[in-house]
Amino acid sequence: LATPRTPAERVGERVLTKDGRDVTEAYAQGARAVCALAKLYSAAYA
């Protein structure tokens, strides 16, 4: 997602921008990336 961007919030199990665009996959991809970084640093600093 870009900065700045249209605000988004959860609507049920989806993440929708204020103008109705579904950005659920972008949020899921970002969460997966942060989890991967956490695992990487966890292994590196164990």
All heavy atoms as atom14 arrays in JSON, in Angstrom:
{
  "sequence": "LATPRTPAERVGERVLTKDGRDVTEAYAQGARAVCALAKLYSAAYA",
  "atom14_mask": [
    [1, 1, 1, 1, 1, 1, 1, 1, 0, 0, 0, 0, 0, 0],
    [1, 1, 1, 1, 1, 0, 0, 0, 0, 0, 0, 0, 0, 0],
    [1, 1, 1, 1, 1, 1, 1, 0, 0, 0, 0, 0, 0, 0],
    [1, 1, 1, 1, 1, 1, 1, 0, 0, 0, 0, 0, 0, 0],
    [1, 1, 1, 1, 1, 1, 1, 1, 1, 1, 1, 0, 0, 0],
    [1, 1, 1, 1, 1, 1, 1, 0, 0, 0, 0, 0, 0, 0],
    [1, 1, 1, 1, 1, 1, 1, 0, 0, 0, 0, 0, 0, 0],
    [1, 1, 1, 1, 1, 0, 0, 0, 0, 0, 0, 0, 0, 0],
    [1, 1, 1, 1, 1, 1, 1, 1, 1, 0, 0, 0, 0, 0],
    [1, 1, 1, 1, 1, 1, 1, 1, 1, 1, 1, 0, 0, 0],
    [1, 1, 1, 1, 1, 1, 1, 0, 0, 0, 0, 0, 0, 0],
    [1, 1, 1, 1, 0, 0, 0, 0, 0, 0, 0, 0, 0, 0],
    [1, 1, 1, 1, 1, 1, 1, 1, 1, 0, 0, 0, 0, 0],
    [1, 1, 1, 1, 1, 1, 1, 1, 1, 1, 1, 0, 0, 0],
    [1, 1, 1, 1, 1, 1, 1, 0, 0, 0, 0, 0, 0, 0],
    [1, 1, 1, 1, 1, 1, 1, 1, 0, 0, 0, 0, 0, 0],
    [1, 1, 1, 1, 1, 1, 1, 0, 0, 0, 0, 0, 0, 0],
    [1, 1, 1, 1, 1, 1, 1, 1, 1, 0, 0, 0, 0, 0],
    [1, 1, 1, 1, 1, 1, 1, 1, 0, 0, 0, 0, 0, 0],
    [1, 1, 1, 1, 0, 0, 0, 0, 0, 0, 0, 0, 0, 0],
    [1, 1, 1, 1, 1, 1, 1, 1, 1, 1, 1, 0, 0, 0],
    [1, 1, 1, 1, 1, 1, 1, 1, 0, 0, 0, 0, 0, 0],
    [1, 1, 1, 1, 1, 1, 1, 0, 0, 0, 0, 0, 0, 0],
    [1, 1, 1, 1, 1, 1, 1, 0, 0, 0, 0, 0, 0, 0],
    [1, 1, 1, 1, 1, 1, 1, 1, 1, 0, 0, 0, 0, 0],
    [1, 1, 1, 1, 1, 0, 0, 0, 0, 0, 0, 0, 0, 0],
    [1, 1, 1, 1, 1, 1, 1, 1, 1, 1, 1, 1, 0, 0],
    [1, 1, 1, 1, 1, 0, 0, 0, 0, 0, 0, 0, 0, 0],
    [1, 1, 1, 1, 1, 1, 1, 1, 1, 0, 0, 0, 0, 0],
    [1, 1, 1, 1, 0, 0, 0, 0, 0, 0, 0, 0, 0, 0],
    [1, 1, 1, 1, 1, 0, 0, 0, 0, 0, 0, 0, 0, 0],
    [1, 1, 1, 1, 1, 1, 1, 1, 1, 1, 1, 0, 0, 0],
    [1, 1, 1, 1, 1, 0, 0, 0, 0, 0, 0, 0, 0, 0],
    [1, 1, 1, 1, 1, 1, 1, 0, 0, 0, 0, 0, 0, 0],
    [1, 1, 1, 1, 1, 1, 0, 0, 0, 0, 0, 0, 0, 0],
    [1, 1, 1, 1, 1, 0, 0, 0, 0, 0, 0, 0, 0, 0],
    [1, 1, 1, 1, 1, 1, 1, 1, 0, 0, 0, 0, 0, 0],
    [1, 1, 1, 1, 1, 0, 0, 0, 0, 0, 0, 0, 0, 0],
    [1, 1, 1, 1, 1, 1, 1, 1, 1, 0, 0, 0, 0, 0],
    [1, 1, 1, 1, 1, 1, 1, 1, 0, 0, 0, 0, 0, 0],
    [1, 1, 1, 1, 1, 1, 1, 1, 1, 1, 1, 1, 0, 0],
    [1, 1, 1, 1, 1, 1, 0, 0, 0, 0, 0, 0, 0, 0],
    [1, 1, 1, 1, 1, 0, 0, 0, 0, 0, 0, 0, 0, 0],
    [1, 1, 1, 1, 1, 0, 0, 0, 0, 0, 0, 0, 0, 0],
    [1, 1, 1, 1, 1, 1, 1, 1, 1, 1, 1, 1, 0, 0],
    [1, 1, 1, 1, 1, 0, 0, 0, 0, 0, 0, 0, 0, 0]
  ],
  "atom14_positions": [
    [[0.84, -1.2, 0.0], [0.0, 0.0, 0.0], [0.88, 1.25, 0.0], [1.99, 1.25, 0.54], [-0.93, 0.0, 1.21], [-1.94, -1.15, 1.23], [-2.7, -1.16, 2.55], [-2.91, -1.05, 0.07], [0.0, 0.0, 0.0], [0.0, 0.0, 0.0], [0.0, 0.0, 0.0], [0.0, 0.0, 0.0], [0.0, 0.0, 0.0], [0.0, 0.0, 0.0]],
    [[0.38, 2.3, -0.59], [1.11, 3.56, -0.71], [0.89, 4.43, 0.52], [-0.02, 4.22, 1.31], [0.64, 4.31, -1.96], [0.0, 0.0, 0.0], [0.0, 0.0, 0.0], [0.0, 0.0, 0.0], [0.0, 0.0, 0.0], [0.0, 0.0, 0.0], [0.0, 0.0, 0.0], [0.0, 0.0, 0.0], [0.0, 0.0, 0.0], [0.0, 0.0, 0.0]],
    [[1.73, 5.44, 0.65], [1.56, 6.49, 1.66], [1.62, 7.81, 0.93], [2.58, 8.04, 0.2], [2.68, 6.43, 2.72], [2.67, 5.16, 3.33], [2.49, 7.49, 3.77], [0.0, 0.0, 0.0], [0.0, 0.0, 0.0], [0.0, 0.0, 0.0], [0.0, 0.0, 0.0], [0.0, 0.0, 0.0], [0.0, 0.0, 0.0], [0.0, 0.0, 0.0]],
    [[0.62, 8.66, 1.07], [-0.62, 8.43, 1.79], [-1.54, 7.47, 1.04], [-1.31, 7.17, -0.12], [-1.24, 9.82, 1.91], [-0.71, 10.56, 0.72], [0.67, 9.99, 0.46], [0.0, 0.0, 0.0], [0.0, 0.0, 0.0], [0.0, 0.0, 0.0], [0.0, 0.0, 0.0], [0.0, 0.0, 0.0], [0.0, 0.0, 0.0], [0.0, 0.0, 0.0]],
    [[-2.59, 7.02, 1.74], [-3.57, 6.1, 1.15], [-4.93, 6.37, 1.77], [-5.03, 6.98, 2.82], [-3.16, 4.65, 1.39], [-2.96, 4.31, 2.86], [-2.32, 2.94, 3.05], [-1.86, 2.76, 4.42], [-0.68, 3.13, 4.87], [0.18, 3.7, 4.06], [-0.34, 2.95, 6.14], [0.0, 0.0, 0.0], [0.0, 0.0, 0.0], [0.0, 0.0, 0.0]],
    [[-5.95, 5.89, 1.11], [-7.31, 6.03, 1.62], [-7.42, 5.22, 2.92], [-6.97, 4.08, 2.97], [-8.32, 5.52, 0.59], [-8.11, 6.22, -0.64], [-9.75, 5.74, 1.05], [0.0, 0.0, 0.0], [0.0, 0.0, 0.0], [0.0, 0.0, 0.0], [0.0, 0.0, 0.0], [0.0, 0.0, 0.0], [0.0, 0.0, 0.0], [0.0, 0.0, 0.0]],
    [[-8.0, 5.8, 3.97], [-8.17, 5.05, 5.22], [-8.94, 3.75, 4.99], [-9.8, 3.67, 4.11], [-8.97, 5.99, 6.11], [-8.87, 7.33, 5.5], [-8.61, 7.13, 4.04], [0.0, 0.0, 0.0], [0.0, 0.0, 0.0], [0.0, 0.0, 0.0], [0.0, 0.0, 0.0], [0.0, 0.0, 0.0], [0.0, 0.0, 0.0], [0.0, 0.0, 0.0]],
    [[-8.61, 2.75, 5.79], [-9.27, 1.45, 5.67], [-9.59, 0.93, 7.06], [-8.93, 1.28, 8.04], [-8.37, 0.46, 4.93], [0.0, 0.0, 0.0], [0.0, 0.0, 0.0], [0.0, 0.0, 0.0], [0.0, 0.0, 0.0], [0.0, 0.0, 0.0], [0.0, 0.0, 0.0], [0.0, 0.0, 0.0], [0.0, 0.0, 0.0], [0.0, 0.0, 0.0]],
    [[-10.6, 0.08, 7.12], [-10.93, -0.57, 8.39], [-11.54, -1.93, 8.12], [-12.0, -2.22, 7.0], [-11.88, 0.28, 9.21], [-13.23, 0.51, 8.57], [-14.13, 1.41, 9.43], [-13.64, 2.32, 10.08], [-15.34, 1.16, 9.41], [0.0, 0.0, 0.0], [0.0, 0.0, 0.0], [0.0, 0.0, 0.0], [0.0, 0.0, 0.0], [0.0, 0.0, 0.0]],
    [[-11.55, -2.75, 9.16], [-12.14, -4.09, 9.04], [-13.65, -3.97, 8.96], [-14.28, -3.23, 9.7], [-11.76, -4.94, 10.23], [-10.31, -5.38, 10.14], [-10.01, -6.44, 11.12], [-10.84, -7.61, 10.81], [-10.63, -8.8, 11.31], [-9.66, -8.99, 12.15], [-11.41, -9.81, 11.0], [0.0, 0.0, 0.0], [0.0, 0.0, 0.0], [0.0, 0.0, 0.0]],
    [[-14.2, -4.73, 8.04], [-15.65, -4.87, 7.9], [-15.89, -6.37, 7.83], [-15.63, -6.99, 6.79], [-16.18, -4.16, 6.63], [-17.68, -4.37, 6.5], [-15.83, -2.67, 6.66], [0.0, 0.0, 0.0], [0.0, 0.0, 0.0], [0.0, 0.0, 0.0], [0.0, 0.0, 0.0], [0.0, 0.0, 0.0], [0.0, 0.0, 0.0], [0.0, 0.0, 0.0]],
    [[-16.29, -6.94, 8.95], [-16.37, -8.4, 9.01], [-14.98, -8.98, 8.91], [-14.09, -8.6, 9.65], [0.0, 0.0, 0.0], [0.0, 0.0, 0.0], [0.0, 0.0, 0.0], [0.0, 0.0, 0.0], [0.0, 0.0, 0.0], [0.0, 0.0, 0.0], [0.0, 0.0, 0.0], [0.0, 0.0, 0.0], [0.0, 0.0, 0.0], [0.0, 0.0, 0.0]],
    [[-14.78, -9.85, 7.95], [-13.46, -10.47, 7.76], [-12.65, -9.8, 6.66], [-11.57, -10.27, 6.31], [-13.62, -11.96, 7.47], [-14.18, -12.7, 8.67], [-14.1, -14.21, 8.5], [-13.37, -14.69, 7.62], [-14.78, -14.89, 9.27], [0.0, 0.0, 0.0], [0.0, 0.0, 0.0], [0.0, 0.0, 0.0], [0.0, 0.0, 0.0], [0.0, 0.0, 0.0]],
    [[-13.14, -8.72, 6.11], [-12.46, -8.0, 5.03], [-11.9, -6.7, 5.55], [-12.3, -6.21, 6.61], [-13.43, -7.69, 3.87], [-14.26, -8.86, 3.36], [-13.49, -10.04, 2.86], [-12.65, -9.74, 1.72], [-11.69, -10.54, 1.29], [-11.46, -11.7, 1.88], [-10.95, -10.22, 0.27], [0.0, 0.0, 0.0], [0.0, 0.0, 0.0], [0.0, 0.0, 0.0]],
    [[-10.97, -6.11, 4.8], [-10.47, -4.76, 5.08], [-10.83, -3.92, 3.87], [-10.41, -4.22, 2.74], [-8.94, -4.73, 5.33], [-8.49, -3.31, 5.63], [-8.56, -5.68, 6.45], [0.0, 0.0, 0.0], [0.0, 0.0, 0.0], [0.0, 0.0, 0.0], [0.0, 0.0, 0.0], [0.0, 0.0, 0.0], [0.0, 0.0, 0.0], [0.0, 0.0, 0.0]],
    [[-11.65, -2.91, 4.11], [-12.15, -2.07, 3.02], [-11.73, -0.62, 3.25], [-11.75, -0.13, 4.38], [-13.68, -2.14, 2.94], [-14.3, -3.53, 2.77], [-15.81, -3.43, 2.78], [-13.8, -4.18, 1.49], [0.0, 0.0, 0.0], [0.0, 0.0, 0.0], [0.0, 0.0, 0.0], [0.0, 0.0, 0.0], [0.0, 0.0, 0.0], [0.0, 0.0, 0.0]],
    [[-11.37, 0.05, 2.14], [-11.06, 1.47, 2.24], [-12.36, 2.24, 2.4], [-13.46, 1.71, 2.15], [-10.32, 1.98, 0.99], [-11.17, 1.83, -0.14], [-9.0, 1.25, 0.78], [0.0, 0.0, 0.0], [0.0, 0.0, 0.0], [0.0, 0.0, 0.0], [0.0, 0.0, 0.0], [0.0, 0.0, 0.0], [0.0, 0.0, 0.0], [0.0, 0.0, 0.0]],
    [[-12.21, 3.49, 2.8], [-13.37, 4.35, 3.0], [-14.23, 4.44, 1.75], [-15.44, 4.57, 1.83], [-12.89, 5.74, 3.43], [-13.96, 6.67, 3.83], [-13.37, 7.97, 4.35], [-14.48, 8.92, 4.74], [-13.94, 10.18, 5.23], [0.0, 0.0, 0.0], [0.0, 0.0, 0.0], [0.0, 0.0, 0.0], [0.0, 0.0, 0.0], [0.0, 0.0, 0.0]],
    [[-13.59, 4.33, 0.57], [-14.35, 4.39, -0.68], [-14.75, 3.01, -1.21], [-15.21, 2.87, -2.34], [-13.57, 5.18, -1.74], [-12.21, 4.59, -2.06], [-11.87, 3.5, -1.56], [-11.46, 5.24, -2.81], [0.0, 0.0, 0.0], [0.0, 0.0, 0.0], [0.0, 0.0, 0.0], [0.0, 0.0, 0.0], [0.0, 0.0, 0.0], [0.0, 0.0, 0.0]],
    [[-14.59, 1.96, -0.37], [-15.12, 0.64, -0.71], [-14.17, -0.33, -1.38], [-14.56, -1.45, -1.69], [0.0, 0.0, 0.0], [0.0, 0.0, 0.0], [0.0, 0.0, 0.0], [0.0, 0.0, 0.0], [0.0, 0.0, 0.0], [0.0, 0.0, 0.0], [0.0, 0.0, 0.0], [0.0, 0.0, 0.0], [0.0, 0.0, 0.0], [0.0, 0.0, 0.0]],
    [[-12.93, 0.05, -1.6], [-11.98, -0.86, -2.25], [-11.52, -1.92, -1.25], [-11.19, -1.62, -0.11], [-10.78, -0.07, -2.78], [-9.86, -0.87, -3.67], [-8.89, 0.02, -4.42], [-8.03, 0.78, -3.53], [-6.76, 0.49, -3.24], [-6.2, -0.57, -3.78], [-6.07, 1.23, -2.42], [0.0, 0.0, 0.0], [0.0, 0.0, 0.0], [0.0, 0.0, 0.0]],
    [[-11.48, -3.16, -1.67], [-11.07, -4.28, -0.81], [-9.54, -4.38, -0.82], [-8.93, -4.66, -1.85], [-11.7, -5.58, -1.33], [-11.47, -6.75, -0.38], [-10.5, -6.74, 0.39], [-12.28, -7.68, -0.42], [0.0, 0.0, 0.0], [0.0, 0.0, 0.0], [0.0, 0.0, 0.0], [0.0, 0.0, 0.0], [0.0, 0.0, 0.0], [0.0, 0.0, 0.0]],
    [[-8.93, -4.14, 0.33], [-7.47, -4.21, 0.46], [-7.06, -5.32, 1.43], [-5.96, -5.31, 1.99], [-6.88, -2.85, 0.89], [-6.99, -1.83, -0.24], [-7.54, -2.33, 2.16], [0.0, 0.0, 0.0], [0.0, 0.0, 0.0], [0.0, 0.0, 0.0], [0.0, 0.0, 0.0], [0.0, 0.0, 0.0], [0.0, 0.0, 0.0], [0.0, 0.0, 0.0]],
    [[-7.95, -6.29, 1.6], [-7.7, -7.39, 2.53], [-6.39, -8.1, 2.22], [-5.58, -8.36, 3.13], [-8.87, -8.4, 2.5], [-10.08, -7.71, 2.78], [-8.66, -9.53, 3.48], [0.0, 0.0, 0.0], [0.0, 0.0, 0.0], [0.0, 0.0, 0.0], [0.0, 0.0, 0.0], [0.0, 0.0, 0.0], [0.0, 0.0, 0.0], [0.0, 0.0, 0.0]],
    [[-6.15, -8.4, 0.96], [-4.94, -9.15, 0.6], [-3.67, -8.34, 0.9], [-2.67, -8.9, 1.34], [-4.96, -9.59, -0.86], [-3.77, -10.44, -1.26], [-3.47, -11.62, -0.32], [-4.4, -12.25, 0.21], [-2.26, -11.92, -0.11], [0.0, 0.0, 0.0], [0.0, 0.0, 0.0], [0.0, 0.0, 0.0], [0.0, 0.0, 0.0], [0.0, 0.0, 0.0]],
    [[-3.7, -7.04, 0.69], [-2.54, -6.22, 0.99], [-2.24, -6.26, 2.49], [-1.07, -6.37, 2.9], [-2.76, -4.78, 0.53], [0.0, 0.0, 0.0], [0.0, 0.0, 0.0], [0.0, 0.0, 0.0], [0.0, 0.0, 0.0], [0.0, 0.0, 0.0], [0.0, 0.0, 0.0], [0.0, 0.0, 0.0], [0.0, 0.0, 0.0], [0.0, 0.0, 0.0]],
    [[-3.27, -6.18, 3.31], [-3.07, -6.26, 4.76], [-2.56, -7.63, 5.17], [-1.67, -7.75, 6.02], [-4.35, -5.9, 5.51], [-4.5, -4.41, 5.7], [-4.95, -3.6, 4.68], [-4.18, -3.81, 6.91], [-5.08, -2.23, 4.84], [-4.3, -2.45, 7.09], [-4.76, -1.66, 6.05], [-4.86, -0.31, 6.22], [0.0, 0.0, 0.0], [0.0, 0.0, 0.0]],
    [[-3.1, -8.68, 4.56], [-2.64, -10.04, 4.87], [-1.19, -10.23, 4.44], [-0.39, -10.82, 5.17], [-3.55, -11.07, 4.18], [0.0, 0.0, 0.0], [0.0, 0.0, 0.0], [0.0, 0.0, 0.0], [0.0, 0.0, 0.0], [0.0, 0.0, 0.0], [0.0, 0.0, 0.0], [0.0, 0.0, 0.0], [0.0, 0.0, 0.0], [0.0, 0.0, 0.0]],
    [[-0.84, -9.71, 3.27], [0.54, -9.8, 2.78], [1.49, -9.06, 3.72], [2.57, -9.57, 4.05], [0.64, -9.21, 1.37], [2.01, -9.29, 0.77], [2.06, -8.71, -0.64], [1.06, -8.75, -1.36], [3.19, -8.17, -1.03], [0.0, 0.0, 0.0], [0.0, 0.0, 0.0], [0.0, 0.0, 0.0], [0.0, 0.0, 0.0], [0.0, 0.0, 0.0]],
    [[1.1, -7.9, 4.2], [1.92, -7.15, 5.14], [2.09, -7.89, 6.45], [3.19, -7.93, 7.03], [0.0, 0.0, 0.0], [0.0, 0.0, 0.0], [0.0, 0.0, 0.0], [0.0, 0.0, 0.0], [0.0, 0.0, 0.0], [0.0, 0.0, 0.0], [0.0, 0.0, 0.0], [0.0, 0.0, 0.0], [0.0, 0.0, 0.0], [0.0, 0.0, 0.0]],
    [[1.03, -8.51, 6.94], [1.11, -9.28, 8.18], [2.04, -10.48, 8.01], [2.85, -10.77, 8.9], [-0.29, -9.74, 8.6], [0.0, 0.0, 0.0], [0.0, 0.0, 0.0], [0.0, 0.0, 0.0], [0.0, 0.0, 0.0], [0.0, 0.0, 0.0], [0.0, 0.0, 0.0], [0.0, 0.0, 0.0], [0.0, 0.0, 0.0], [0.0, 0.0, 0.0]],
    [[1.95, -11.14, 6.86], [2.85, -12.27, 6.6], [4.31, -11.8, 6.55], [5.21, -12.47, 7.07], [2.47, -12.99, 5.3], [1.18, -13.79, 5.4], [0.95, -14.65, 4.17], [0.8, -13.91, 2.94], [-0.37, -13.47, 2.44], [-1.5, -13.72, 3.09], [-0.41, -12.81, 1.31], [0.0, 0.0, 0.0], [0.0, 0.0, 0.0], [0.0, 0.0, 0.0]],
    [[4.54, -10.65, 5.95], [5.91, -10.11, 5.86], [6.47, -9.8, 7.24], [7.63, -10.1, 7.53], [5.93, -8.87, 4.97], [0.0, 0.0, 0.0], [0.0, 0.0, 0.0], [0.0, 0.0, 0.0], [0.0, 0.0, 0.0], [0.0, 0.0, 0.0], [0.0, 0.0, 0.0], [0.0, 0.0, 0.0], [0.0, 0.0, 0.0], [0.0, 0.0, 0.0]],
    [[5.66, -9.2, 8.11], [6.12, -8.89, 9.46], [6.39, -10.18, 10.23], [7.4, -10.28, 10.95], [5.11, -7.99, 10.2], [5.47, -7.86, 11.67], [5.06, -6.61, 9.55], [0.0, 0.0, 0.0], [0.0, 0.0, 0.0], [0.0, 0.0, 0.0], [0.0, 0.0, 0.0], [0.0, 0.0, 0.0], [0.0, 0.0, 0.0], [0.0, 0.0, 0.0]],
    [[5.53, -11.17, 10.07], [5.77, -12.47, 10.73], [7.07, -13.1, 10.24], [7.84, -13.65, 11.04], [4.6, -13.41, 10.5], [3.14, -12.99, 11.45], [0.0, 0.0, 0.0], [0.0, 0.0, 0.0], [0.0, 0.0, 0.0], [0.0, 0.0, 0.0], [0.0, 0.0, 0.0], [0.0, 0.0, 0.0], [0.0, 0.0, 0.0], [0.0, 0.0, 0.0]],
    [[7.34, -13.0, 8.95], [8.57, -13.55, 8.4], [9.79, -12.81, 8.97], [10.8, -13.45, 9.32], [8.57, -13.46, 6.87], [0.0, 0.0, 0.0], [0.0, 0.0, 0.0], [0.0, 0.0, 0.0], [0.0, 0.0, 0.0], [0.0, 0.0, 0.0], [0.0, 0.0, 0.0], [0.0, 0.0, 0.0], [0.0, 0.0, 0.0], [0.0, 0.0, 0.0]],
    [[9.7, -11.49, 9.1], [10.8, -10.73, 9.71], [10.99, -11.12, 11.17], [12.13, -11.26, 11.63], [10.52, -9.23, 9.61], [10.71, -8.6, 8.23], [10.18, -7.17, 8.23], [12.18, -8.64, 7.83], [0.0, 0.0, 0.0], [0.0, 0.0, 0.0], [0.0, 0.0, 0.0], [0.0, 0.0, 0.0], [0.0, 0.0, 0.0], [0.0, 0.0, 0.0]],
    [[9.9, -11.3, 11.88], [9.99, -11.7, 13.28], [10.69, -13.06, 13.41], [11.55, -13.24, 14.28], [8.6, -11.74, 13.92], [0.0, 0.0, 0.0], [0.0, 0.0, 0.0], [0.0, 0.0, 0.0], [0.0, 0.0, 0.0], [0.0, 0.0, 0.0], [0.0, 0.0, 0.0], [0.0, 0.0, 0.0], [0.0, 0.0, 0.0], [0.0, 0.0, 0.0]],
    [[10.33, -13.99, 12.54], [10.98, -15.31, 12.56], [12.46, -15.19, 12.22], [13.3, -15.84, 12.83], [10.28, -16.26, 11.6], [8.93, -16.71, 12.09], [8.28, -17.63, 11.08], [6.88, -18.01, 11.54], [6.18, -18.83, 10.54], [0.0, 0.0, 0.0], [0.0, 0.0, 0.0], [0.0, 0.0, 0.0], [0.0, 0.0, 0.0], [0.0, 0.0, 0.0]],
    [[12.78, -14.36, 11.23], [14.16, -14.17, 10.82], [14.99, -13.62, 11.98], [16.06, -14.15, 12.3], [14.22, -13.21, 9.63], [15.6, -12.8, 9.15], [16.29, -13.97, 8.48], [15.49, -11.62, 8.21], [0.0, 0.0, 0.0], [0.0, 0.0, 0.0], [0.0, 0.0, 0.0], [0.0, 0.0, 0.0], [0.0, 0.0, 0.0], [0.0, 0.0, 0.0]],
    [[14.5, -12.55, 12.61], [15.23, -11.97, 13.73], [15.26, -12.91, 14.94], [16.25, -12.96, 15.66], [14.65, -10.6, 14.11], [15.17, -9.52, 13.18], [14.37, -9.03, 12.17], [16.45, -9.01, 13.34], [14.86, -8.03, 11.31], [16.93, -8.03, 12.5], [16.14, -7.55, 11.49], [16.61, -6.58, 10.64], [0.0, 0.0, 0.0], [0.0, 0.0, 0.0]],
    [[14.2, -13.66, 15.13], [14.16, -14.61, 16.24], [15.25, -15.65, 16.08], [15.95, -15.99, 17.03], [12.79, -15.27, 16.31], [12.76, -16.23, 17.32], [0.0, 0.0, 0.0], [0.0, 0.0, 0.0], [0.0, 0.0, 0.0], [0.0, 0.0, 0.0], [0.0, 0.0, 0.0], [0.0, 0.0, 0.0], [0.0, 0.0, 0.0], [0.0, 0.0, 0.0]],
    [[15.41, -16.15, 14.86], [16.43, -17.16, 14.6], [17.83, -16.55, 14.69], [18.75, -17.17, 15.23], [16.21, -17.77, 13.22], [0.0, 0.0, 0.0], [0.0, 0.0, 0.0], [0.0, 0.0, 0.0], [0.0, 0.0, 0.0], [0.0, 0.0, 0.0], [0.0, 0.0, 0.0], [0.0, 0.0, 0.0], [0.0, 0.0, 0.0], [0.0, 0.0, 0.0]],
    [[17.97, -15.33, 14.2], [19.3, -14.69, 14.18], [19.79, -14.32, 15.57], [20.98, -14.32, 15.83], [19.26, -13.44, 13.3], [0.0, 0.0, 0.0], [0.0, 0.0, 0.0], [0.0, 0.0, 0.0], [0.0, 0.0, 0.0], [0.0, 0.0, 0.0], [0.0, 0.0, 0.0], [0.0, 0.0, 0.0], [0.0, 0.0, 0.0], [0.0, 0.0, 0.0]],
    [[18.85, -14.01, 16.47], [19.22, -13.55, 17.8], [18.9, -14.57, 18.89], [18.85, -14.23, 20.05], [18.56, -12.2, 18.1], [19.1, -11.11, 17.23], [18.43, -10.69, 16.1], [20.32, -10.5, 17.56], [18.96, -9.68, 15.29], [20.84, -9.5, 16.77], [20.15, -9.09, 15.64], [20.67, -8.11, 14.85], [0.0, 0.0, 0.0], [0.0, 0.0, 0.0]],
    [[18.69, -15.82, 18.48], [18.37, -16.87, 19.48], [19.59, -17.23, 20.29], [20.7, -17.11, 19.92], [17.82, -18.09, 18.77], [0.0, 0.0, 0.0], [0.0, 0.0, 0.0], [0.0, 0.0, 0.0], [0.0, 0.0, 0.0], [0.0, 0.0, 0.0], [0.0, 0.0, 0.0], [0.0, 0.0, 0.0], [0.0, 0.0, 0.0], [0.0, 0.0, 0.0]]
  ]
}
